[in-house]
Structure formats: C-alpha cells, structure tokens
Amino acid sequence: MYKSGLIFIAIVGILLFFVACKNGMSEQEKFIQGKWSYSEQVDEGFSSHISWTFDKGSFEMDGYPPINVKGNYSVKRAKEDAITLELYSQTWDGEKQEDETLKIQIDKSNKTIKIRGRGPFTRSL
C-alpha cells in the first residue's frame, strides 16, 4: 500500500511538471508570438522595412536595407504592457553577435508592439 501511494504521488508530480512546462509562457510572450512588421519613410523616395518573428524561444529579424539576425531568446521580465527579452546565440548575416536585451512595449487594444521604441509593428500573416 505504501509503495502504490508513492507511485501515485510520483505520477501526479510528473503530470503537474508537464502541465507547468506547457503553460509556462506569460501572456505577454504569447502575445508576441508570430511575425511583426514595420515600415517607415527614411528619406524622400527611400523607405526601410523591418520584420521580427518570435517562435517559442527563437527569433529572427530581417529587413531592408538588407539585414538578417537569428537567435534565441529568454524572458527576463514581463509586465502588463511590456516584455524584456534576453537575446542570445545570435548571428547577424552569419556572424556571431553578443547577447543583448530587447525591450518590447505591448499595446493589446491596438494589437501592436513597439520594439526598441520603433513602431508600431503590426502582426503579419
């Protein structure tokens, strides 16, 4: 009887662990998942475009003028209207980059975000 009780507790513990891992994303991290785009006119006749894609711990940033950065992220801090990510294992056009912090402001009512103060970025399909 004692042994079956321990087995039951172990099984419940394992199940709780997997449920916690599955639901481990904050609401802010869930909100930023997917591709986000922003374009702006830089000069007369010249514009820039940037897209960020967040996918369960990995990210990619690309745009024009040509740029491509890929890597991983972890959540450092999440508040109601903002999330701060630690970017690591980054490559910029194939070159390794230093880890850095990325601050994102979230505007759920308008379904937009601002990254490093730029934006608003809108969700791309």
Protein backbone atom coordinates (compact mmCIF):
# COMPACT_ATOMS: atom_id res chain seq x y z
CA MET A 1 0.00 0.00 0.00
CA TYR A 2 2.82 2.42 0.88
CA LYS A 3 4.57 1.69 -2.43
CA SER A 4 1.43 2.32 -4.53
CA GLY A 5 0.92 5.64 -2.72
CA LEU A 6 4.44 6.75 -3.64
CA ILE A 7 3.91 5.73 -7.26
CA PHE A 8 0.66 7.73 -7.35
CA ILE A 9 2.39 10.82 -5.92
CA ALA A 10 5.25 10.45 -8.42
CA ILE A 11 2.82 10.22 -11.36
CA VAL A 12 0.86 13.27 -10.18
CA GLY A 13 4.12 15.19 -9.74
CA ILE A 14 5.28 14.33 -13.26
CA LEU A 15 1.92 15.34 -14.74
CA LEU A 16 1.97 18.66 -12.89
CA PHE A 17 5.51 19.28 -14.14
CA PHE A 18 4.46 18.76 -17.78
CA VAL A 19 1.37 20.95 -17.39
CA ALA A 20 3.51 23.72 -15.89
CA CYS A 21 6.03 23.46 -18.73
CA LYS A 22 3.31 23.54 -21.37
CA ASN A 23 1.69 26.62 -19.86
CA GLY A 24 4.98 28.32 -19.00
CA MET A 25 4.58 31.27 -21.38
CA SER A 26 3.41 34.55 -19.92
CA GLU A 27 0.50 36.34 -21.58
CA GLN A 28 2.98 38.87 -22.95
CA GLU A 29 5.16 36.17 -24.51
CA LYS A 30 2.10 34.50 -26.03
CA PHE A 31 1.03 37.86 -27.47
CA ILE A 32 4.33 38.48 -29.31
CA GLN A 33 4.47 35.05 -30.97
CA GLY A 34 4.42 35.28 -34.77
CA LYS A 35 5.72 37.74 -37.35
CA TRP A 36 5.59 41.51 -36.78
CA SER A 37 6.36 44.14 -39.45
CA TYR A 38 7.03 47.87 -39.57
CA SER A 39 7.89 50.20 -42.47
CA GLU A 40 8.88 53.85 -42.42
CA GLN A 41 9.92 56.50 -44.91
CA VAL A 42 13.53 57.42 -44.15
CA ASP A 43 14.14 59.96 -46.91
CA GLU A 44 12.19 61.16 -49.89
CA GLY A 45 11.90 58.12 -52.14
CA PHE A 46 13.61 55.80 -49.64
CA SER A 47 11.91 53.61 -47.07
CA SER A 48 13.00 50.88 -44.69
CA HIS A 49 11.22 47.75 -43.61
CA ILE A 50 11.86 45.50 -40.64
CA SER A 51 10.21 42.27 -39.50
CA TRP A 52 10.63 40.36 -36.24
CA THR A 53 9.45 36.78 -35.82
CA PHE A 54 9.16 35.22 -32.35
CA ASP A 55 8.62 31.47 -32.11
CA LYS A 56 8.75 29.76 -28.70
CA GLY A 57 12.26 30.78 -27.70
CA SER A 58 13.75 31.59 -31.09
CA PHE A 59 13.65 34.81 -33.09
CA GLU A 60 14.52 36.19 -36.49
CA MET A 61 14.81 39.82 -37.55
CA ASP A 62 15.11 40.76 -41.20
CA GLY A 63 14.54 43.81 -43.29
CA TYR A 64 15.57 46.32 -45.88
CA PRO A 65 18.18 47.71 -46.16
CA PRO A 66 19.31 44.08 -46.11
CA ILE A 67 19.75 42.63 -42.63
CA ASN A 68 19.19 39.19 -41.14
CA VAL A 69 19.64 38.32 -37.47
CA LYS A 70 18.69 34.94 -35.97
CA GLY A 71 18.99 33.54 -32.48
CA ASN A 72 17.24 32.53 -29.30
CA TYR A 73 15.53 34.48 -26.55
CA SER A 74 14.54 34.06 -22.94
CA VAL A 75 12.12 36.24 -21.00
CA LYS A 76 13.85 38.43 -18.42
CA ARG A 77 10.80 40.35 -17.27
CA ALA A 78 7.14 40.63 -18.22
CA LYS A 79 4.80 43.44 -17.16
CA GLU A 80 1.24 44.12 -18.21
CA ASP A 81 2.23 46.30 -21.19
CA ALA A 82 5.85 45.27 -21.80
CA ILE A 83 8.23 42.36 -22.04
CA THR A 84 12.02 42.32 -21.84
CA LEU A 85 13.88 39.56 -23.65
CA GLU A 86 17.48 38.40 -23.44
CA LEU A 87 18.71 37.65 -26.97
CA TYR A 88 21.49 35.05 -27.17
CA SER A 89 23.19 32.68 -29.65
CA GLN A 90 22.72 35.37 -32.26
CA THR A 91 24.11 35.55 -35.76
CA TRP A 92 23.91 38.67 -37.89
CA ASP A 93 24.27 37.78 -41.56
CA GLY A 94 26.16 34.67 -40.40
CA GLU A 95 28.48 36.47 -37.91
CA LYS A 96 28.20 35.69 -34.17
CA GLN A 97 26.88 38.56 -32.06
CA GLU A 98 26.99 39.47 -28.37
CA ASP A 99 23.99 38.76 -26.14
CA GLU A 100 21.70 41.75 -25.69
CA THR A 101 18.47 42.90 -24.10
CA LEU A 102 15.39 43.69 -26.19
CA LYS A 103 12.54 45.78 -24.76
CA ILE A 104 9.09 45.45 -26.33
CA GLN A 105 6.08 47.64 -25.47
CA ILE A 106 2.74 45.91 -25.96
CA ASP A 107 -0.50 47.61 -26.98
CA LYS A 108 -3.11 44.85 -26.83
CA SER A 109 -6.03 47.19 -27.57
CA ASN A 110 -4.50 48.16 -30.94
CA LYS A 111 -2.85 44.74 -31.46
CA THR A 112 0.56 46.35 -32.00
CA ILE A 113 4.01 46.33 -30.42
CA LYS A 114 6.96 48.74 -30.34
CA ILE A 115 10.46 47.30 -30.39
CA ARG A 116 13.30 49.48 -29.11
CA GLY A 117 10.89 52.41 -29.29
CA ARG A 118 10.22 51.91 -33.02
CA GLY A 119 6.85 51.10 -34.42
CA PRO A 120 4.07 50.37 -34.20
CA PHE A 121 4.73 46.90 -35.55
CA THR A 122 1.66 45.05 -36.81
CA ARG A 123 1.18 41.31 -36.96
CA SER A 124 1.90 39.86 -40.41
CA LEU A 125 0.04 36.93 -41.87
